[in-house]
Amino acid sequence: MIVPLTSAFGEDVRFTFEAIWKVLLASLVLGAGLSAVFALGIRSLAWGAGGDAEVSHQAGNPAGRVVAGLLFLVVLYGVVAGLLFIIASGQGKELTFSHVIPWIQAKAD
């Protein structure tokens, strides 16, 4: 017997799959995403160093170090924002990004 999606059971299943999708997406972005950005930063450092760090032994490219620095800043921002979220929720406060910089403030009731 196939249960139509308009029933209460169908709504529960739909709600469950929506929640699973959101958790999966967040874990990929924050978990694997930050690791991938860090790996790209390491690769950019090798591109910037050149020589034995590269398979082709070409001269280093200064843009590689700049790109690596920017990628590491993105990773650092993600780590700091995650820690601030944990600290804020533990203190009964909320984290806001109203001015790009993460900020802890009292919850608005």
N, C-alpha and C. Protein backbone atom coordinates (compact mmCIF):
# COMPACT_ATOMS: atom_id res chain seq x y z
N MET A 1 0.84 -1.18 0.00
CA MET A 1 0.00 0.00 0.00
C MET A 1 0.89 1.25 0.00
N ILE A 2 0.67 2.15 -0.91
CA ILE A 2 1.43 3.39 -1.02
C ILE A 2 0.67 4.48 -0.28
N VAL A 3 1.37 5.16 0.63
CA VAL A 3 0.75 6.21 1.41
C VAL A 3 0.92 7.52 0.66
N PRO A 4 -0.16 8.26 0.38
CA PRO A 4 -0.01 9.54 -0.32
C PRO A 4 0.75 10.54 0.53
N LEU A 5 1.48 11.42 -0.13
CA LEU A 5 2.29 12.41 0.59
C LEU A 5 1.47 13.47 1.29
N THR A 6 0.19 13.50 1.05
CA THR A 6 -0.65 14.50 1.73
C THR A 6 -1.09 14.03 3.10
N SER A 7 -0.83 12.76 3.45
CA SER A 7 -1.22 12.27 4.76
C SER A 7 -0.24 12.77 5.81
N ALA A 8 -0.60 12.54 7.07
CA ALA A 8 0.28 12.98 8.16
C ALA A 8 1.60 12.23 8.11
N PHE A 9 1.56 10.95 7.76
CA PHE A 9 2.79 10.17 7.65
C PHE A 9 3.67 10.72 6.53
N GLY A 10 3.07 11.05 5.41
CA GLY A 10 3.83 11.61 4.29
C GLY A 10 4.48 12.93 4.64
N GLU A 11 3.79 13.76 5.41
CA GLU A 11 4.38 15.04 5.85
C GLU A 11 5.55 14.80 6.78
N ASP A 12 5.44 13.80 7.66
CA ASP A 12 6.55 13.48 8.56
C ASP A 12 7.77 13.01 7.79
N VAL A 13 7.52 12.17 6.78
CA VAL A 13 8.63 11.66 5.96
C VAL A 13 9.29 12.82 5.20
N ARG A 14 8.47 13.69 4.62
CA ARG A 14 9.01 14.84 3.89
C ARG A 14 9.83 15.73 4.81
N PHE A 15 9.30 16.00 6.01
CA PHE A 15 10.01 16.83 6.98
C PHE A 15 11.33 16.18 7.39
N THR A 16 11.33 14.86 7.57
CA THR A 16 12.54 14.14 7.96
C THR A 16 13.60 14.24 6.87
N PHE A 17 13.21 14.04 5.62
CA PHE A 17 14.18 14.12 4.52
C PHE A 17 14.70 15.54 4.33
N GLU A 18 13.87 16.55 4.57
CA GLU A 18 14.36 17.93 4.50
C GLU A 18 15.41 18.19 5.57
N ALA A 19 15.17 17.67 6.77
CA ALA A 19 16.13 17.86 7.86
C ALA A 19 17.43 17.12 7.57
N ILE A 20 17.32 15.90 7.06
CA ILE A 20 18.52 15.13 6.73
C ILE A 20 19.33 15.84 5.66
N TRP A 21 18.67 16.39 4.66
CA TRP A 21 19.37 17.10 3.59
C TRP A 21 20.12 18.31 4.13
N LYS A 22 19.49 19.05 5.05
CA LYS A 22 20.13 20.24 5.60
C LYS A 22 21.36 19.87 6.44
N VAL A 23 21.25 18.81 7.23
CA VAL A 23 22.38 18.36 8.04
C VAL A 23 23.51 17.86 7.15
N LEU A 24 23.17 17.12 6.10
CA LEU A 24 24.19 16.63 5.17
C LEU A 24 24.91 17.78 4.49
N LEU A 25 24.16 18.75 4.03
CA LEU A 25 24.77 19.90 3.36
C LEU A 25 25.68 20.68 4.30
N ALA A 26 25.22 20.93 5.53
CA ALA A 26 26.04 21.66 6.51
C ALA A 26 27.30 20.89 6.85
N SER A 27 27.19 19.56 6.99
CA SER A 27 28.38 18.78 7.33
C SER A 27 29.38 18.76 6.18
N LEU A 28 28.88 18.73 4.94
CA LEU A 28 29.80 18.77 3.81
C LEU A 28 30.49 20.11 3.69
N VAL A 29 29.73 21.18 3.87
CA VAL A 29 30.31 22.52 3.73
C VAL A 29 31.30 22.79 4.87
N LEU A 30 30.89 22.53 6.09
CA LEU A 30 31.74 22.87 7.24
C LEU A 30 32.79 21.81 7.53
N GLY A 31 32.47 20.56 7.30
CA GLY A 31 33.42 19.49 7.60
C GLY A 31 34.41 19.28 6.47
N ALA A 32 33.91 18.75 5.37
CA ALA A 32 34.78 18.46 4.23
C ALA A 32 35.17 19.74 3.50
N GLY A 33 34.31 20.74 3.52
CA GLY A 33 34.59 21.98 2.80
C GLY A 33 35.79 22.72 3.35
N LEU A 34 35.85 22.87 4.67
CA LEU A 34 36.99 23.56 5.26
C LEU A 34 38.28 22.76 5.08
N SER A 35 38.17 21.44 5.14
CA SER A 35 39.36 20.60 4.91
C SER A 35 39.85 20.74 3.47
N ALA A 36 38.93 20.82 2.54
CA ALA A 36 39.32 20.98 1.13
C ALA A 36 39.96 22.35 0.90
N VAL A 37 39.43 23.39 1.53
CA VAL A 37 40.02 24.73 1.39
C VAL A 37 41.42 24.74 2.00
N PHE A 38 41.60 24.05 3.13
CA PHE A 38 42.92 23.96 3.75
C PHE A 38 43.89 23.22 2.82
N ALA A 39 43.43 22.14 2.20
CA ALA A 39 44.28 21.39 1.27
C ALA A 39 44.67 22.24 0.07
N LEU A 40 43.73 23.04 -0.43
CA LEU A 40 44.07 23.95 -1.52
C LEU A 40 45.10 25.00 -1.08
N GLY A 41 45.02 25.41 0.17
CA GLY A 41 46.01 26.35 0.71
C GLY A 41 47.40 25.73 0.76
N ILE A 42 47.46 24.47 1.17
CA ILE A 42 48.76 23.77 1.19
C ILE A 42 49.31 23.64 -0.23
N ARG A 43 48.43 23.31 -1.17
CA ARG A 43 48.85 23.18 -2.57
C ARG A 43 49.34 24.52 -3.11
N SER A 44 48.68 25.59 -2.72
CA SER A 44 49.09 26.92 -3.16
C SER A 44 50.45 27.30 -2.58
N LEU A 45 50.72 26.85 -1.35
CA LEU A 45 52.04 27.10 -0.78
C LEU A 45 53.13 26.41 -1.59
N ALA A 46 52.85 25.19 -2.04
CA ALA A 46 53.83 24.48 -2.87
C ALA A 46 54.03 25.20 -4.19
N TRP A 47 52.94 25.72 -4.75
CA TRP A 47 53.03 26.48 -6.01
C TRP A 47 53.86 27.74 -5.78
N GLY A 48 53.70 28.36 -4.62
CA GLY A 48 54.45 29.57 -4.31
C GLY A 48 55.91 29.31 -4.02
N ALA A 49 56.21 28.14 -3.45
CA ALA A 49 57.60 27.81 -3.12
C ALA A 49 58.38 27.37 -4.35
N GLY A 50 57.74 26.59 -5.21
CA GLY A 50 58.41 26.10 -6.42
C GLY A 50 59.52 25.13 -6.08
N GLY A 51 60.43 24.90 -7.01
CA GLY A 51 61.58 24.02 -6.80
C GLY A 51 61.17 22.60 -6.48
N ASP A 52 61.70 22.06 -5.38
CA ASP A 52 61.43 20.67 -5.01
C ASP A 52 59.99 20.46 -4.53
N ALA A 53 59.28 21.51 -4.21
CA ALA A 53 57.89 21.37 -3.80
C ALA A 53 56.98 21.06 -4.99
N GLU A 54 57.45 21.31 -6.19
CA GLU A 54 56.69 21.04 -7.41
C GLU A 54 57.30 19.86 -8.16
N VAL A 55 56.45 19.09 -8.82
CA VAL A 55 56.92 17.96 -9.61
C VAL A 55 57.76 18.44 -10.78
N SER A 56 57.37 19.56 -11.38
CA SER A 56 58.08 20.08 -12.55
C SER A 56 59.34 20.88 -12.18
N HIS A 57 59.56 21.13 -10.90
CA HIS A 57 60.72 21.89 -10.40
C HIS A 57 60.80 23.29 -11.00
N GLN A 58 59.66 23.89 -11.27
CA GLN A 58 59.64 25.26 -11.78
C GLN A 58 59.93 26.24 -10.65
N ALA A 59 60.23 27.47 -11.04
CA ALA A 59 60.46 28.53 -10.05
C ALA A 59 59.15 28.85 -9.34
N GLY A 60 59.26 29.33 -8.12
CA GLY A 60 58.09 29.67 -7.33
C GLY A 60 57.32 30.86 -7.88
N ASN A 61 56.03 30.87 -7.61
CA ASN A 61 55.18 31.97 -8.06
C ASN A 61 54.68 32.71 -6.82
N PRO A 62 54.96 34.01 -6.69
CA PRO A 62 54.54 34.74 -5.50
C PRO A 62 53.02 34.75 -5.30
N ALA A 63 52.27 34.61 -6.37
CA ALA A 63 50.81 34.58 -6.24
C ALA A 63 50.36 33.36 -5.44
N GLY A 64 51.14 32.29 -5.47
CA GLY A 64 50.79 31.09 -4.71
C GLY A 64 50.74 31.36 -3.22
N ARG A 65 51.68 32.14 -2.73
CA ARG A 65 51.68 32.46 -1.29
C ARG A 65 50.52 33.38 -0.92
N VAL A 66 50.16 34.28 -1.82
CA VAL A 66 49.01 35.17 -1.57
C VAL A 66 47.72 34.37 -1.53
N VAL A 67 47.56 33.48 -2.51
CA VAL A 67 46.36 32.64 -2.55
C VAL A 67 46.29 31.75 -1.32
N ALA A 68 47.43 31.19 -0.92
CA ALA A 68 47.47 30.33 0.27
C ALA A 68 47.07 31.13 1.51
N GLY A 69 47.56 32.33 1.64
CA GLY A 69 47.21 33.16 2.79
C GLY A 69 45.71 33.45 2.84
N LEU A 70 45.13 33.76 1.69
CA LEU A 70 43.68 34.01 1.65
C LEU A 70 42.88 32.77 2.01
N LEU A 71 43.30 31.62 1.50
CA LEU A 71 42.60 30.37 1.81
C LEU A 71 42.72 30.02 3.29
N PHE A 72 43.88 30.24 3.86
CA PHE A 72 44.05 29.98 5.29
C PHE A 72 43.21 30.94 6.13
N LEU A 73 43.04 32.18 5.68
CA LEU A 73 42.16 33.12 6.39
C LEU A 73 40.70 32.65 6.37
N VAL A 74 40.27 32.08 5.25
CA VAL A 74 38.91 31.54 5.17
C VAL A 74 38.73 30.40 6.17
N VAL A 75 39.73 29.51 6.25
CA VAL A 75 39.66 28.40 7.20
C VAL A 75 39.66 28.92 8.64
N LEU A 76 40.51 29.88 8.92
CA LEU A 76 40.57 30.46 10.26
C LEU A 76 39.24 31.11 10.64
N TYR A 77 38.63 31.81 9.70
CA TYR A 77 37.32 32.44 9.93
C TYR A 77 36.27 31.38 10.28
N GLY A 78 36.28 30.28 9.54
CA GLY A 78 35.33 29.20 9.81
C GLY A 78 35.54 28.58 11.17
N VAL A 79 36.77 28.37 11.56
CA VAL A 79 37.07 27.77 12.87
C VAL A 79 36.66 28.72 14.00
N VAL A 80 37.01 29.99 13.87
CA VAL A 80 36.65 30.97 14.91
C VAL A 80 35.14 31.12 15.01
N ALA A 81 34.44 31.17 13.88
CA ALA A 81 32.99 31.30 13.90
C ALA A 81 32.36 30.07 14.56
N GLY A 82 32.89 28.88 14.29
CA GLY A 82 32.37 27.66 14.93
C GLY A 82 32.58 27.66 16.43
N LEU A 83 33.77 28.06 16.86
CA LEU A 83 34.04 28.13 18.30
C LEU A 83 33.15 29.17 18.99
N LEU A 84 32.99 30.32 18.35
CA LEU A 84 32.13 31.35 18.93
C LEU A 84 30.67 30.89 19.01
N PHE A 85 30.22 30.11 18.03
CA PHE A 85 28.86 29.58 18.06
C PHE A 85 28.69 28.64 19.25
N ILE A 86 29.67 27.77 19.48
CA ILE A 86 29.60 26.85 20.62
C ILE A 86 29.64 27.61 21.94
N ILE A 87 30.50 28.60 22.05
CA ILE A 87 30.61 29.39 23.28
C ILE A 87 29.33 30.17 23.53
N ALA A 88 28.79 30.79 22.49
CA ALA A 88 27.58 31.60 22.65
C ALA A 88 26.39 30.73 23.06
N SER A 89 26.22 29.59 22.43
CA SER A 89 25.08 28.75 22.78
C SER A 89 25.23 28.16 24.18
N GLY A 90 26.45 27.93 24.62
CA GLY A 90 26.68 27.43 25.97
C GLY A 90 26.37 28.47 27.04
N GLN A 91 26.45 29.74 26.69
CA GLN A 91 26.16 30.81 27.64
C GLN A 91 24.73 31.32 27.50
N GLY A 92 23.93 30.70 26.66
CA GLY A 92 22.55 31.13 26.47
C GLY A 92 22.43 32.40 25.65
N LYS A 93 23.42 32.66 24.82
CA LYS A 93 23.41 33.84 23.96
C LYS A 93 23.35 33.39 22.51
N GLU A 94 23.40 34.34 21.58
CA GLU A 94 23.37 33.99 20.17
C GLU A 94 24.53 34.64 19.44
N LEU A 95 24.86 34.07 18.30
CA LEU A 95 25.94 34.57 17.47
C LEU A 95 25.34 35.33 16.30
N THR A 96 25.82 36.53 16.06
CA THR A 96 25.31 37.33 14.95
C THR A 96 26.46 37.67 14.01
N PHE A 97 26.13 37.80 12.73
CA PHE A 97 27.11 38.17 11.71
C PHE A 97 26.69 39.48 11.06
N SER A 98 26.13 40.38 11.84
CA SER A 98 25.57 41.61 11.27
C SER A 98 26.62 42.51 10.62
N HIS A 99 27.85 42.43 11.04
CA HIS A 99 28.90 43.28 10.46
C HIS A 99 30.06 42.43 9.94
N VAL A 100 29.76 41.26 9.39
CA VAL A 100 30.71 40.29 8.85
C VAL A 100 31.53 39.61 9.94
N ILE A 101 31.90 40.33 10.97
CA ILE A 101 32.66 39.75 12.07
C ILE A 101 31.67 39.06 13.02
N PRO A 102 31.91 37.78 13.37
CA PRO A 102 31.01 37.11 14.31
C PRO A 102 31.00 37.82 15.67
N TRP A 103 29.84 37.99 16.22
CA TRP A 103 29.69 38.73 17.46
C TRP A 103 28.69 38.01 18.37
N ILE A 104 29.00 37.89 19.66
CA ILE A 104 28.10 37.26 20.62
C ILE A 104 27.24 38.34 21.24
N GLN A 105 25.93 38.11 21.25
CA GLN A 105 25.01 39.08 21.86
C GLN A 105 23.91 38.33 22.60
N ALA A 106 23.21 39.06 23.47
CA ALA A 106 22.10 38.47 24.22
C ALA A 106 20.98 38.11 23.24
N LYS A 107 20.27 37.02 23.56
CA LYS A 107 19.18 36.60 22.69
C LYS A 107 18.04 37.63 22.74
N ALA A 108 17.48 37.90 21.59
CA ALA A 108 16.33 38.81 21.52
C ALA A 108 15.08 38.00 21.81
N ASP A 109 14.38 38.36 22.87
CA ASP A 109 13.17 37.61 23.24
C ASP A 109 11.95 38.19 22.62
